[in-house]
Amino acid sequence: MQLTRLLPFGFAITCASLAAPAPEPTALAVLPRIHSNEYINYTTLTGFFLQDDPATSTTGFDYAAVNFGLINRTYSTDSEVPADWTQWQKFDHYVWRLNRGSGRFVQYKVLYMGRHGEGYHNVAETYYGTPAWNCYWSLKDGNGTVSWADARITPNGVAQAVKAHDFWASHITSQKIPVPETYYTSPLTRCLQTANITFSGLDLPSRQPFIPTVKELFREGISGHTCDRRGTKTYIQDAFPAYKIEAGFSEDDLLWKPLQGEVPVDEDIRSKIGLDEVFDSDDSTYISITSHSGEIASLLRVLGHRNFSLSTGQAIPVLVKAETIESKPIVTASQAWTTISTCSTAPPLPTAT
C-alpha cells in the first residue's frame, strides 16, 4: 500500500517508493478555537508509553534507559511506512494519522514534560528534614551559606540536565525521535536553567529553534516557601534574553503569598487554564514543558494520566487527546489557601540512621 503525504509548497513524497526515507515533518493539528460556551476535555491515550502502564513502577524509573518509555509495539498504520523505520518514526506517523482524521473538534498532541534538575532547595530539605524544612527553613531565603530563594540548580542538577541533553542528541540521531516544535518553561530559575542546558546546541530544524516561552501557569505549586517565589520579569529577561515571555506576564510575582499555600484543586484549575491556552493557540503536535514535580503531577491529573512521580531531572511523555465540546460555563471550585504552620526556632537536624 502506498501513502502520499503532502509537504510544504505542494511537493509530495510516496513512502513506498523510498528505501530508507528520512522522517517527514509532523503534520499540524487542526485547532479548535475556544469560544465562551466551549470546553476542552483532555484524555491520555494509554498503551504507548511505559509510564502510562499501571504495572510500571515509578521507583527508580529512568526515561533515558528505556527510549523515553516508548513501548515496542505495532500500530494500525505500520503498513503505510517502511519496515525499517524506527519505533519513534512509526509512532510519529501514527500520531500524524490521528490528527489527519481528527476533524475540527479533536486534536492530538505529545507532551514532553521534564522536571528541573536538582535545586539547592531540594538539597536543603534533605539536609534539614521535611518537617524542619516546612516549618522553618523553607520560609527563609537561605542559611547564610546557600541561597534557595527562587532556587538555582546544583552541580548535580546541571549534570542531570546534561544527561537530558545527551539523551536528546543521541535519540535524534539514532531513533529519529520527533523533537519538540515549541517549548514552554516555568518562570522559576531552576526550570529556566534546566531547559537551557537540555535543549541548547541540539541539532534542531531551523524552523523549530529552541526559543522557549516563559509561562506563569506552569510554575510549581504555589507555597509560602521562598523557593517558589519567582524573580521579576526584568530579571528573567536579563538572565535569559533569548527566551520569550508570554503576554500579560507581570513584573513582580503576584501569585506567591507569604505563609500561604495553594491547595491542589486550585493548582489543577490553573493547570487546566494553562493547557487550554496552549492547546487553543499552539499548532504544534510535539510540545516540551519544563516544570516541577508538583506541577507535572497536577498536569497529569488534568490529562487523566495515572499518578507518576518524577525525581529531579526525569521526564515523561504523554499522548493527549483534546476534544472541544459544547458546555455550559464552568464554575471553578476554588478553595481557601492553607496557612503554613511555622516554628519560631530551628528544629534539630534529623538523626542519622
C-alpha atoms as a PDB file:
ATOM      1  CA  MET A   1       0.000   0.000   0.000  1.00  0.00           C
ATOM      2  CA  GLN A   2       1.235   3.447  -0.841  1.00  0.00           C
ATOM      3  CA  LEU A   3       0.580   6.600   1.146  1.00  0.00           C
ATOM      4  CA  THR A   4       1.332  10.056  -0.140  1.00  0.00           C
ATOM      5  CA  ARG A   5       1.980  12.827   2.382  1.00  0.00           C
ATOM      6  CA  LEU A   6       1.963  16.394   1.155  1.00  0.00           C
ATOM      7  CA  LEU A   7       4.944  18.547   2.019  1.00  0.00           C
ATOM      8  CA  PRO A   8       5.239  22.342   2.000  1.00  0.00           C
ATOM      9  CA  PHE A   9       4.879  24.176  -1.333  1.00  0.00           C
ATOM     10  CA  GLY A  10       2.813  21.395  -2.889  1.00  0.00           C
ATOM     11  CA  PHE A  11       5.557  18.754  -3.223  1.00  0.00           C
ATOM     12  CA  ALA A  12       4.591  15.173  -2.434  1.00  0.00           C
ATOM     13  CA  ILE A  13       6.522  12.085  -1.440  1.00  0.00           C
ATOM     14  CA  THR A  14       5.342   8.481  -1.743  1.00  0.00           C
ATOM     15  CA  CYS A  15       6.568   6.428   1.194  1.00  0.00           C
ATOM     16  CA  ALA A  16       6.699   3.095  -0.623  1.00  0.00           C
ATOM     17  CA  SER A  17       8.988   4.497  -3.303  1.00  0.00           C
ATOM     18  CA  LEU A  18      11.835   5.158  -0.869  1.00  0.00           C
ATOM     19  CA  ALA A  19      14.169   2.566   0.587  1.00  0.00           C
ATOM     20  CA  ALA A  20      15.100   4.498   3.747  1.00  0.00           C
ATOM     21  CA  PRO A  21      13.299   7.832   3.847  1.00  0.00           C
ATOM     22  CA  ALA A  22      14.043  10.463   6.408  1.00  0.00           C
ATOM     23  CA  PRO A  23      11.221  11.240   8.839  1.00  0.00           C
ATOM     24  CA  GLU A  24       8.880  13.821   7.409  1.00  0.00           C
ATOM     25  CA  PRO A  25       7.637  16.956   9.131  1.00  0.00           C
ATOM     26  CA  THR A  26       4.870  16.345  11.600  1.00  0.00           C
ATOM     27  CA  ALA A  27       1.511  17.499  10.310  1.00  0.00           C
ATOM     28  CA  LEU A  28      -0.129  20.399  12.102  1.00  0.00           C
ATOM     29  CA  ALA A  29      -3.197  19.611  14.162  1.00  0.00           C
ATOM     30  CA  VAL A  30      -6.471  21.235  13.184  1.00  0.00           C
ATOM     31  CA  LEU A  31      -7.077  23.507  16.136  1.00  0.00           C
ATOM     32  CA  PRO A  32     -10.409  24.130  17.757  1.00  0.00           C
ATOM     33  CA  ARG A  33     -10.566  27.791  18.725  1.00  0.00           C
ATOM     34  CA  ILE A  34     -12.284  28.043  22.051  1.00  0.00           C
ATOM     35  CA  HIS A  35     -15.443  30.095  22.437  1.00  0.00           C
ATOM     36  CA  SER A  36     -17.080  31.048  25.701  1.00  0.00           C
ATOM     37  CA  ASN A  37     -19.536  28.164  25.507  1.00  0.00           C
ATOM     38  CA  GLU A  38     -16.914  25.533  24.713  1.00  0.00           C
ATOM     39  CA  TYR A  39     -14.712  23.382  26.900  1.00  0.00           C
ATOM     40  CA  ILE A  40     -11.610  21.288  26.176  1.00  0.00           C
ATOM     41  CA  ASN A  41     -11.798  17.782  27.592  1.00  0.00           C
ATOM     42  CA  TYR A  42      -8.433  16.027  27.941  1.00  0.00           C
ATOM     43  CA  THR A  43      -7.782  12.299  27.775  1.00  0.00           C
ATOM     44  CA  THR A  44      -4.496  10.411  27.999  1.00  0.00           C
ATOM     45  CA  LEU A  45      -4.239   7.705  25.353  1.00  0.00           C
ATOM     46  CA  THR A  46      -2.645   4.701  27.026  1.00  0.00           C
ATOM     47  CA  GLY A  47      -0.689   1.748  25.725  1.00  0.00           C
ATOM     48  CA  PHE A  48       2.042   3.847  24.128  1.00  0.00           C
ATOM     49  CA  PHE A  49       4.472   4.563  26.959  1.00  0.00           C
ATOM     50  CA  LEU A  50       5.644   2.533  29.920  1.00  0.00           C
ATOM     51  CA  GLN A  51       4.769   5.465  32.170  1.00  0.00           C
ATOM     52  CA  ASP A  52       1.045   5.149  31.379  1.00  0.00           C
ATOM     53  CA  ASP A  53       1.054   1.415  32.221  1.00  0.00           C
ATOM     54  CA  PRO A  54      -0.150   0.770  35.801  1.00  0.00           C
ATOM     55  CA  ALA A  55       2.322  -2.133  36.011  1.00  0.00           C
ATOM     56  CA  THR A  56       5.306   0.224  35.672  1.00  0.00           C
ATOM     57  CA  SER A  57       6.817   1.206  38.987  1.00  0.00           C
ATOM     58  CA  THR A  58       7.855   4.814  39.459  1.00  0.00           C
ATOM     59  CA  THR A  59      10.636   3.806  41.856  1.00  0.00           C
ATOM     60  CA  GLY A  60      13.974   4.196  40.141  1.00  0.00           C
ATOM     61  CA  PHE A  61      12.382   4.647  36.723  1.00  0.00           C
ATOM     62  CA  ASP A  62      14.758   6.309  34.263  1.00  0.00           C
ATOM     63  CA  TYR A  63      13.332   7.576  30.977  1.00  0.00           C
ATOM     64  CA  ALA A  64      16.818   7.679  29.401  1.00  0.00           C
ATOM     65  CA  ALA A  65      17.362   3.947  29.851  1.00  0.00           C
ATOM     66  CA  VAL A  66      14.174   2.893  28.064  1.00  0.00           C
ATOM     67  CA  ASN A  67      13.855   5.056  24.942  1.00  0.00           C
ATOM     68  CA  PHE A  68      11.751   7.617  26.860  1.00  0.00           C
ATOM     69  CA  GLY A  69       9.387   4.784  27.766  1.00  0.00           C
ATOM     70  CA  LEU A  70       8.093   4.273  24.215  1.00  0.00           C
ATOM     71  CA  ILE A  71       6.659   0.753  24.024  1.00  0.00           C
ATOM     72  CA  ASN A  72       7.806  -1.501  21.188  1.00  0.00           C
ATOM     73  CA  ARG A  73       4.522  -2.345  19.545  1.00  0.00           C
ATOM     74  CA  THR A  74       2.754  -2.355  16.222  1.00  0.00           C
ATOM     75  CA  TYR A  75       0.379   0.376  15.061  1.00  0.00           C
ATOM     76  CA  SER A  76      -2.560   0.144  12.703  1.00  0.00           C
ATOM     77  CA  THR A  77      -0.663   2.446  10.347  1.00  0.00           C
ATOM     78  CA  ASP A  78       2.560   0.400  10.145  1.00  0.00           C
ATOM     79  CA  SER A  79       1.658  -0.957   6.707  1.00  0.00           C
ATOM     80  CA  GLU A  80       1.880   2.591   5.358  1.00  0.00           C
ATOM     81  CA  VAL A  81       5.555   3.091   6.226  1.00  0.00           C
ATOM     82  CA  PRO A  82       8.845   1.302   5.504  1.00  0.00           C
ATOM     83  CA  ALA A  83       9.555  -1.649   7.776  1.00  0.00           C
ATOM     84  CA  ASP A  84      12.973  -0.278   8.735  1.00  0.00           C
ATOM     85  CA  TRP A  85      11.605   2.887  10.309  1.00  0.00           C
ATOM     86  CA  THR A  86      12.392   3.259  13.993  1.00  0.00           C
ATOM     87  CA  GLN A  87       9.732   2.854  16.668  1.00  0.00           C
ATOM     88  CA  TRP A  88       9.640   6.643  17.079  1.00  0.00           C
ATOM     89  CA  GLN A  89       9.152   7.189  13.343  1.00  0.00           C
ATOM     90  CA  LYS A  90       6.278   4.706  13.317  1.00  0.00           C
ATOM     91  CA  PHE A  91       4.761   6.371  16.377  1.00  0.00           C
ATOM     92  CA  ASP A  92       5.124   9.794  14.756  1.00  0.00           C
ATOM     93  CA  HIS A  93       3.328   8.558  11.651  1.00  0.00           C
ATOM     94  CA  TYR A  94       0.553   7.073  13.777  1.00  0.00           C
ATOM     95  CA  VAL A  95       0.043  10.401  15.583  1.00  0.00           C
ATOM     96  CA  TRP A  96       0.081  12.206  12.240  1.00  0.00           C
ATOM     97  CA  ARG A  97      -2.677   9.868  11.068  1.00  0.00           C
ATOM     98  CA  LEU A  98      -4.719  10.575  14.203  1.00  0.00           C
ATOM     99  CA  ASN A  99      -4.572  14.310  13.555  1.00  0.00           C
ATOM    100  CA  ARG A 100      -5.174  13.877   9.837  1.00  0.00           C
ATOM    101  CA  GLY A 101      -8.541  12.299  10.557  1.00  0.00           C
ATOM    102  CA  SER A 102      -9.475  14.163  13.733  1.00  0.00           C
ATOM    103  CA  GLY A 103     -11.644  16.950  12.352  1.00  0.00           C
ATOM    104  CA  ARG A 104     -12.204  20.397  13.793  1.00  0.00           C
ATOM    105  CA  PHE A 105     -13.055  19.485  17.368  1.00  0.00           C
ATOM    106  CA  VAL A 106     -10.350  16.950  18.205  1.00  0.00           C
ATOM    107  CA  GLN A 107      -6.584  17.280  18.276  1.00  0.00           C
ATOM    108  CA  TYR A 108      -3.759  15.067  19.429  1.00  0.00           C
ATOM    109  CA  LYS A 109      -0.514  16.297  20.958  1.00  0.00           C
ATOM    110  CA  VAL A 110       2.501  14.675  22.556  1.00  0.00           C
ATOM    111  CA  LEU A 111       3.680  16.495  25.656  1.00  0.00           C
ATOM    112  CA  TYR A 112       7.293  16.008  26.750  1.00  0.00           C
ATOM    113  CA  MET A 113       7.216  17.105  30.386  1.00  0.00           C
ATOM    114  CA  GLY A 114      10.527  17.361  32.206  1.00  0.00           C
ATOM    115  CA  ARG A 115      11.228  18.129  35.847  1.00  0.00           C
ATOM    116  CA  HIS A 116      14.054  20.556  36.601  1.00  0.00           C
ATOM    117  CA  GLY A 117      17.435  19.301  37.775  1.00  0.00           C
ATOM    118  CA  GLU A 118      18.219  19.126  41.465  1.00  0.00           C
ATOM    119  CA  GLY A 119      17.957  22.546  43.119  1.00  0.00           C
ATOM    120  CA  TYR A 120      19.537  23.921  46.256  1.00  0.00           C
ATOM    121  CA  HIS A 121      16.129  23.799  47.943  1.00  0.00           C
ATOM    122  CA  ASN A 122      15.974  20.040  47.290  1.00  0.00           C
ATOM    123  CA  VAL A 123      19.339  19.575  48.977  1.00  0.00           C
ATOM    124  CA  ALA A 124      18.326  21.776  51.910  1.00  0.00           C
ATOM    125  CA  GLU A 125      15.101  19.856  52.506  1.00  0.00           C
ATOM    126  CA  THR A 126      17.040  16.593  52.530  1.00  0.00           C
ATOM    127  CA  TYR A 127      19.640  18.021  54.898  1.00  0.00           C
ATOM    128  CA  TYR A 128      17.253  19.591  57.412  1.00  0.00           C
ATOM    129  CA  GLY A 129      14.446  17.044  57.070  1.00  0.00           C
ATOM    130  CA  THR A 130      10.989  17.767  55.686  1.00  0.00           C
ATOM    131  CA  PRO A 131       9.322  18.815  58.997  1.00  0.00           C
ATOM    132  CA  ALA A 132      12.040  21.368  59.815  1.00  0.00           C
ATOM    133  CA  TRP A 133      12.161  22.499  56.201  1.00  0.00           C
ATOM    134  CA  ASN A 134       8.421  23.114  56.016  1.00  0.00           C
ATOM    135  CA  CYS A 135       8.018  24.998  59.279  1.00  0.00           C
ATOM    136  CA  TYR A 136      11.277  26.970  59.436  1.00  0.00           C
ATOM    137  CA  TRP A 137      13.972  26.831  56.756  1.00  0.00           C
ATOM    138  CA  SER A 138      11.730  26.990  53.686  1.00  0.00           C
ATOM    139  CA  LEU A 139      10.454  30.389  54.806  1.00  0.00           C
ATOM    140  CA  LYS A 140      13.957  31.873  54.679  1.00  0.00           C
ATOM    141  CA  ASP A 141      15.945  32.900  51.613  1.00  0.00           C
ATOM    142  CA  GLY A 142      18.851  30.700  52.676  1.00  0.00           C
ATOM    143  CA  ASN A 143      21.052  29.759  55.600  1.00  0.00           C
ATOM    144  CA  GLY A 144      23.874  32.276  55.167  1.00  0.00           C
ATOM    145  CA  THR A 145      25.914  29.828  53.118  1.00  0.00           C
ATOM    146  CA  VAL A 146      23.485  28.692  50.449  1.00  0.00           C
ATOM    147  CA  SER A 147      20.535  30.581  48.943  1.00  0.00           C
ATOM    148  CA  TRP A 148      17.404  28.736  47.886  1.00  0.00           C
ATOM    149  CA  ALA A 149      15.001  31.608  47.199  1.00  0.00           C
ATOM    150  CA  ASP A 150      13.926  31.019  43.574  1.00  0.00           C
ATOM    151  CA  ALA A 151      16.417  28.182  43.779  1.00  0.00           C
ATOM    152  CA  ARG A 152      19.138  27.592  41.222  1.00  0.00           C
ATOM    153  CA  ILE A 153      20.204  24.090  40.232  1.00  0.00           C
ATOM    154  CA  THR A 154      23.158  22.423  41.925  1.00  0.00           C
ATOM    155  CA  PRO A 155      26.145  20.889  40.105  1.00  0.00           C
ATOM    156  CA  ASN A 156      24.242  17.602  40.306  1.00  0.00           C
ATOM    157  CA  GLY A 157      21.228  19.348  38.787  1.00  0.00           C
ATOM    158  CA  VAL A 158      23.430  20.594  35.969  1.00  0.00           C
ATOM    159  CA  ALA A 159      24.635  17.026  35.395  1.00  0.00           C
ATOM    160  CA  GLN A 160      21.020  15.812  35.244  1.00  0.00           C
ATOM    161  CA  ALA A 161      20.214  18.441  32.599  1.00  0.00           C
ATOM    162  CA  VAL A 162      23.338  17.496  30.640  1.00  0.00           C
ATOM    163  CA  LYS A 163      22.160  13.880  30.752  1.00  0.00           C
ATOM    164  CA  ALA A 164      18.846  15.008  29.259  1.00  0.00           C
ATOM    165  CA  HIS A 165      20.718  16.958  26.567  1.00  0.00           C
ATOM    166  CA  ASP A 166      22.815  13.915  25.702  1.00  0.00           C
ATOM    167  CA  PHE A 167      19.692  11.745  25.585  1.00  0.00           C
ATOM    168  CA  TRP A 168      18.066  14.066  23.064  1.00  0.00           C
ATOM    169  CA  ALA A 169      21.243  14.373  20.997  1.00  0.00           C
ATOM    170  CA  SER A 170      21.592  10.596  20.819  1.00  0.00           C
ATOM    171  CA  HIS A 171      17.947   9.804  20.109  1.00  0.00           C
ATOM    172  CA  ILE A 172      17.534  12.494  17.473  1.00  0.00           C
ATOM    173  CA  THR A 173      20.234  10.694  15.515  1.00  0.00           C
ATOM    174  CA  SER A 174      19.676   7.041  16.348  1.00  0.00           C
ATOM    175  CA  GLN A 175      15.921   6.837  16.965  1.00  0.00           C
ATOM    176  CA  LYS A 176      14.675   9.788  14.882  1.00  0.00           C
ATOM    177  CA  ILE A 177      12.637  10.914  17.888  1.00  0.00           C
ATOM    178  CA  PRO A 178      10.323  13.806  16.959  1.00  0.00           C
ATOM    179  CA  VAL A 179      11.819  16.928  18.510  1.00  0.00           C
ATOM    180  CA  PRO A 180       9.634  19.493  20.254  1.00  0.00           C
ATOM    181  CA  GLU A 181       8.174  22.028  17.881  1.00  0.00           C
ATOM    182  CA  THR A 182       7.588  24.517  20.669  1.00  0.00           C
ATOM    183  CA  TYR A 183       8.898  24.877  24.205  1.00  0.00           C
ATOM    184  CA  TYR A 184       7.402  26.184  27.448  1.00  0.00           C
ATOM    185  CA  THR A 185       9.043  26.637  30.810  1.00  0.00           C
ATOM    186  CA  SER A 186       8.081  27.608  34.320  1.00  0.00           C
ATOM    187  CA  PRO A 187       9.318  31.106  35.263  1.00  0.00           C
ATOM    188  CA  LEU A 188      11.306  29.756  38.215  1.00  0.00           C
ATOM    189  CA  THR A 189      15.074  29.849  37.725  1.00  0.00           C
ATOM    190  CA  ARG A 190      15.691  26.120  38.167  1.00  0.00           C
ATOM    191  CA  CYS A 191      13.439  25.409  35.178  1.00  0.00           C
ATOM    192  CA  LEU A 192      14.843  28.247  33.076  1.00  0.00           C
ATOM    193  CA  GLN A 193      18.325  26.806  33.640  1.00  0.00           C
ATOM    194  CA  THR A 194      17.312  23.186  33.055  1.00  0.00           C
ATOM    195  CA  ALA A 195      15.556  23.932  29.773  1.00  0.00           C
ATOM    196  CA  ASN A 196      18.547  25.903  28.532  1.00  0.00           C
ATOM    197  CA  ILE A 197      21.053  23.138  29.267  1.00  0.00           C
ATOM    198  CA  THR A 198      18.757  20.403  27.945  1.00  0.00           C
ATOM    199  CA  PHE A 199      17.882  21.856  24.564  1.00  0.00           C
ATOM    200  CA  SER A 200      20.583  24.369  23.626  1.00  0.00           C
ATOM    201  CA  GLY A 201      23.012  23.146  20.976  1.00  0.00           C
ATOM    202  CA  LEU A 202      20.889  20.250  19.712  1.00  0.00           C
ATOM    203  CA  ASP A 203      20.580  19.513  16.005  1.00  0.00           C
ATOM    204  CA  LEU A 204      17.129  21.061  15.670  1.00  0.00           C
ATOM    205  CA  PRO A 205      15.293  22.052  12.479  1.00  0.00           C
ATOM    206  CA  SER A 206      15.855  25.693  11.597  1.00  0.00           C
ATOM    207  CA  ARG A 207      12.095  26.263  11.544  1.00  0.00           C
ATOM    208  CA  GLN A 208      11.795  24.902  15.103  1.00  0.00           C
ATOM    209  CA  PRO A 209      14.598  26.510  17.126  1.00  0.00           C
ATOM    210  CA  PHE A 210      14.853  26.321  20.881  1.00  0.00           C
ATOM    211  CA  ILE A 211      13.171  29.568  21.895  1.00  0.00           C
ATOM    212  CA  PRO A 212      11.057  28.719  24.944  1.00  0.00           C
ATOM    213  CA  THR A 213       8.083  30.689  26.159  1.00  0.00           C
ATOM    214  CA  VAL A 214       8.082  31.519  29.866  1.00  0.00           C
ATOM    215  CA  LYS A 215       4.611  30.601  31.108  1.00  0.00           C
ATOM    216  CA  GLU A 216       3.388  31.717  34.524  1.00  0.00           C
ATOM    217  CA  LEU A 217       0.793  28.990  34.991  1.00  0.00           C
ATOM    218  CA  PHE A 218       3.306  26.153  34.568  1.00  0.00           C
ATOM    219  CA  ARG A 219       5.132  27.104  37.759  1.00  0.00           C
ATOM    220  CA  GLU A 220       5.390  24.900  40.848  1.00  0.00           C
ATOM    221  CA  GLY A 221       2.528  24.559  43.315  1.00  0.00           C
ATOM    222  CA  ILE A 222       2.475  27.999  44.907  1.00  0.00           C
ATOM    223  CA  SER A 223       3.549  27.820  48.521  1.00  0.00           C
ATOM    224  CA  GLY A 224       4.861  30.229  51.112  1.00  0.00           C
ATOM    225  CA  HIS A 225       8.281  28.689  50.549  1.00  0.00           C
ATOM    226  CA  THR A 226      10.754  31.182  49.133  1.00  0.00           C
ATOM    227  CA  CYS A 227      11.980  28.616  46.602  1.00  0.00           C
ATOM    228  CA  ASP A 228       8.610  29.002  44.858  1.00  0.00           C
ATOM    229  CA  ARG A 229       8.730  32.805  44.619  1.00  0.00           C
ATOM    230  CA  ARG A 230       9.801  33.743  41.126  1.00  0.00           C
ATOM    231  CA  GLY A 231      12.085  36.575  40.091  1.00  0.00           C
ATOM    232  CA  THR A 232      10.932  39.713  38.353  1.00  0.00           C
ATOM    233  CA  LYS A 233      10.177  39.896  34.663  1.00  0.00           C
ATOM    234  CA  THR A 234      13.218  42.143  34.250  1.00  0.00           C
ATOM    235  CA  TYR A 235      15.450  39.567  35.939  1.00  0.00           C
ATOM    236  CA  ILE A 236      14.214  36.800  33.619  1.00  0.00           C
ATOM    237  CA  GLN A 237      14.680  38.975  30.535  1.00  0.00           C
ATOM    238  CA  ASP A 238      18.221  39.906  31.566  1.00  0.00           C
ATOM    239  CA  ALA A 239      19.273  36.399  32.613  1.00  0.00           C
ATOM    240  CA  PHE A 240      17.682  34.583  29.643  1.00  0.00           C
ATOM    241  CA  PRO A 241      17.461  37.157  26.849  1.00  0.00           C
ATOM    242  CA  ALA A 242      16.662  34.604  24.132  1.00  0.00           C
ATOM    243  CA  TYR A 243      13.523  33.421  25.915  1.00  0.00           C
ATOM    244  CA  LYS A 244      10.065  34.725  25.081  1.00  0.00           C
ATOM    245  CA  ILE A 245       7.873  35.880  27.942  1.00  0.00           C
ATOM    246  CA  GLU A 246       4.163  35.395  27.442  1.00  0.00           C
ATOM    247  CA  ALA A 247       1.844  38.373  27.116  1.00  0.00           C
ATOM    248  CA  GLY A 248       0.447  39.659  30.396  1.00  0.00           C
ATOM    249  CA  PHE A 249       3.398  38.455  32.464  1.00  0.00           C
ATOM    250  CA  SER A 250       3.677  40.788  35.470  1.00  0.00           C
ATOM    251  CA  GLU A 251       6.912  42.464  36.552  1.00  0.00           C
ATOM    252  CA  ASP A 252       6.588  41.178  40.112  1.00  0.00           C
ATOM    253  CA  ASP A 253       5.312  37.829  41.335  1.00  0.00           C
ATOM    254  CA  LEU A 254       1.648  38.491  42.074  1.00  0.00           C
ATOM    255  CA  LEU A 255       0.726  34.870  42.803  1.00  0.00           C
ATOM    256  CA  TRP A 256       3.134  33.976  45.605  1.00  0.00           C
ATOM    257  CA  LYS A 257       1.802  34.680  49.098  1.00  0.00           C
ATOM    258  CA  PRO A 258       3.963  34.622  52.242  1.00  0.00           C
ATOM    259  CA  LEU A 259       2.942  31.906  54.716  1.00  0.00           C
ATOM    260  CA  GLN A 260       0.136  30.671  52.451  1.00  0.00           C
ATOM    261  CA  GLY A 261      -0.066  27.627  50.239  1.00  0.00           C
ATOM    262  CA  GLU A 262      -2.136  26.847  47.154  1.00  0.00           C
ATOM    263  CA  VAL A 263      -4.379  23.787  47.515  1.00  0.00           C
ATOM    264  CA  PRO A 264      -4.435  21.009  44.869  1.00  0.00           C
ATOM    265  CA  VAL A 265      -7.846  21.947  43.457  1.00  0.00           C
ATOM    266  CA  ASP A 266      -6.615  25.475  42.729  1.00  0.00           C
ATOM    267  CA  GLU A 267      -3.401  24.195  41.181  1.00  0.00           C
ATOM    268  CA  ASP A 268      -5.416  21.893  38.919  1.00  0.00           C
ATOM    269  CA  ILE A 269      -7.630  24.805  37.884  1.00  0.00           C
ATOM    270  CA  ARG A 270      -4.645  26.908  36.815  1.00  0.00           C
ATOM    271  CA  SER A 271      -3.009  23.870  35.156  1.00  0.00           C
ATOM    272  CA  LYS A 272      -6.189  23.385  33.110  1.00  0.00           C
ATOM    273  CA  ILE A 273      -6.189  27.059  32.152  1.00  0.00           C
ATOM    274  CA  GLY A 274      -2.527  26.845  31.117  1.00  0.00           C
ATOM    275  CA  LEU A 275      -3.152  23.763  28.988  1.00  0.00           C
ATOM    276  CA  ASP A 276      -6.219  25.363  27.420  1.00  0.00           C
ATOM    277  CA  GLU A 277      -4.138  28.388  26.429  1.00  0.00           C
ATOM    278  CA  VAL A 278      -1.559  26.148  24.791  1.00  0.00           C
ATOM    279  CA  PHE A 279      -3.994  23.846  23.024  1.00  0.00           C
ATOM    280  CA  ASP A 280      -6.070  26.790  21.810  1.00  0.00           C
ATOM    281  CA  SER A 281      -3.170  28.754  20.345  1.00  0.00           C
ATOM    282  CA  ASP A 282      -0.296  26.404  19.528  1.00  0.00           C
ATOM    283  CA  ASP A 283      -0.377  24.435  16.275  1.00  0.00           C
ATOM    284  CA  SER A 284       2.459  22.145  17.336  1.00  0.00           C
ATOM    285  CA  THR A 285       1.949  18.426  17.817  1.00  0.00           C
ATOM    286  CA  TYR A 286       5.117  17.893  19.918  1.00  0.00           C
ATOM    287  CA  ILE A 287       5.479  20.256  22.865  1.00  0.00           C
ATOM    288  CA  SER A 288       8.082  20.471  25.621  1.00  0.00           C
ATOM    289  CA  ILE A 289       7.146  21.691  29.104  1.00  0.00           C
ATOM    290  CA  THR A 290       9.929  22.156  31.666  1.00  0.00           C
ATOM    291  CA  SER A 291       8.326  22.324  35.085  1.00  0.00           C
ATOM    292  CA  HIS A 292       8.246  20.864  38.607  1.00  0.00           C
ATOM    293  CA  SER A 293       7.245  17.664  40.379  1.00  0.00           C
ATOM    294  CA  GLY A 294       4.086  19.130  41.891  1.00  0.00           C
ATOM    295  CA  GLU A 295       3.010  20.961  38.761  1.00  0.00           C
ATOM    296  CA  ILE A 296       3.641  17.992  36.472  1.00  0.00           C
ATOM    297  CA  ALA A 297       1.591  15.873  38.882  1.00  0.00           C
ATOM    298  CA  SER A 298      -1.201  18.446  38.538  1.00  0.00           C
ATOM    299  CA  LEU A 299      -0.952  18.441  34.740  1.00  0.00           C
ATOM    300  CA  LEU A 300      -1.150  14.641  34.750  1.00  0.00           C
ATOM    301  CA  ARG A 301      -4.327  14.801  36.845  1.00  0.00           C
ATOM    302  CA  VAL A 302      -5.899  17.240  34.393  1.00  0.00           C
ATOM    303  CA  LEU A 303      -4.887  14.991  31.491  1.00  0.00           C
ATOM    304  CA  GLY A 304      -6.393  11.906  33.126  1.00  0.00           C
ATOM    305  CA  HIS A 305      -2.988  10.214  33.374  1.00  0.00           C
ATOM    306  CA  ARG A 306      -2.090   7.861  36.211  1.00  0.00           C
ATOM    307  CA  ASN A 307      -0.012   9.289  39.019  1.00  0.00           C
ATOM    308  CA  PHE A 308       3.662   9.083  38.048  1.00  0.00           C
ATOM    309  CA  SER A 309       6.086  10.904  40.313  1.00  0.00           C
ATOM    310  CA  LEU A 310       9.312  12.249  38.819  1.00  0.00           C
ATOM    311  CA  SER A 311      12.611  12.615  40.597  1.00  0.00           C
ATOM    312  CA  THR A 312      14.753  15.627  39.712  1.00  0.00           C
ATOM    313  CA  GLY A 313      15.913  15.618  36.106  1.00  0.00           C
ATOM    314  CA  GLN A 314      13.387  12.993  34.996  1.00  0.00           C
ATOM    315  CA  ALA A 315      10.836  13.408  32.210  1.00  0.00           C
ATOM    316  CA  ILE A 316       7.614  11.872  30.960  1.00  0.00           C
ATOM    317  CA  PRO A 317       5.933  11.814  27.524  1.00  0.00           C
ATOM    318  CA  VAL A 318       2.137  11.750  27.248  1.00  0.00           C
ATOM    319  CA  LEU A 319      -0.048  11.264  24.167  1.00  0.00           C
ATOM    320  CA  VAL A 320      -3.052  13.524  24.692  1.00  0.00           C
ATOM    321  CA  LYS A 321      -6.440  13.657  23.005  1.00  0.00           C
ATOM    322  CA  ALA A 322      -8.104  17.049  23.391  1.00  0.00           C
ATOM    323  CA  GLU A 323     -11.743  17.308  22.406  1.00  0.00           C
ATOM    324  CA  THR A 324     -13.609  20.594  22.287  1.00  0.00           C
ATOM    325  CA  ILE A 325     -17.166  20.085  23.466  1.00  0.00           C
ATOM    326  CA  GLU A 326     -20.163  22.298  23.990  1.00  0.00           C
ATOM    327  CA  SER A 327     -20.534  23.063  27.638  1.00  0.00           C
ATOM    328  CA  LYS A 328     -22.159  25.464  29.974  1.00  0.00           C
ATOM    329  CA  PRO A 329     -19.709  27.905  31.578  1.00  0.00           C
ATOM    330  CA  ILE A 330     -17.503  26.018  34.022  1.00  0.00           C
ATOM    331  CA  VAL A 331     -17.728  27.168  37.628  1.00  0.00           C
ATOM    332  CA  THR A 332     -14.318  26.894  39.255  1.00  0.00           C
ATOM    333  CA  ALA A 333     -14.458  25.336  42.705  1.00  0.00           C
ATOM    334  CA  SER A 334     -11.527  27.127  44.240  1.00  0.00           C
ATOM    335  CA  GLN A 335     -10.797  26.709  47.935  1.00  0.00           C
ATOM    336  CA  ALA A 336      -9.173  28.829  50.584  1.00  0.00           C
ATOM    337  CA  TRP A 337      -5.393  28.557  50.614  1.00  0.00           C
ATOM    338  CA  THR A 338      -3.790  26.861  53.575  1.00  0.00           C
ATOM    339  CA  THR A 339      -1.784  28.712  56.190  1.00  0.00           C
ATOM    340  CA  ILE A 340       1.706  27.333  56.714  1.00  0.00           C
ATOM    341  CA  SER A 341       2.414  26.026  60.196  1.00  0.00           C
ATOM    342  CA  THR A 342       5.610  27.670  61.410  1.00  0.00           C
ATOM    343  CA  CYS A 343       8.085  27.144  64.228  1.00  0.00           C
ATOM    344  CA  SER A 344       9.983  30.000  65.910  1.00  0.00           C
ATOM    345  CA  THR A 345      13.295  28.205  66.280  1.00  0.00           C
ATOM    346  CA  ALA A 346      15.154  25.815  64.028  1.00  0.00           C
ATOM    347  CA  PRO A 347      14.319  22.191  64.841  1.00  0.00           C
ATOM    348  CA  PRO A 348      17.246  19.831  65.401  1.00  0.00           C
ATOM    349  CA  LEU A 349      18.775  18.058  62.416  1.00  0.00           C
ATOM    350  CA  PRO A 350      17.490  14.564  61.674  1.00  0.00           C
ATOM    351  CA  THR A 351      19.265  11.764  63.492  1.00  0.00           C
ATOM    352  CA  ALA A 352      21.323   9.617  61.163  1.00  0.00           C
ATOM    353  CA  THR A 353      20.124   6.027  60.905  1.00  0.00           C
END
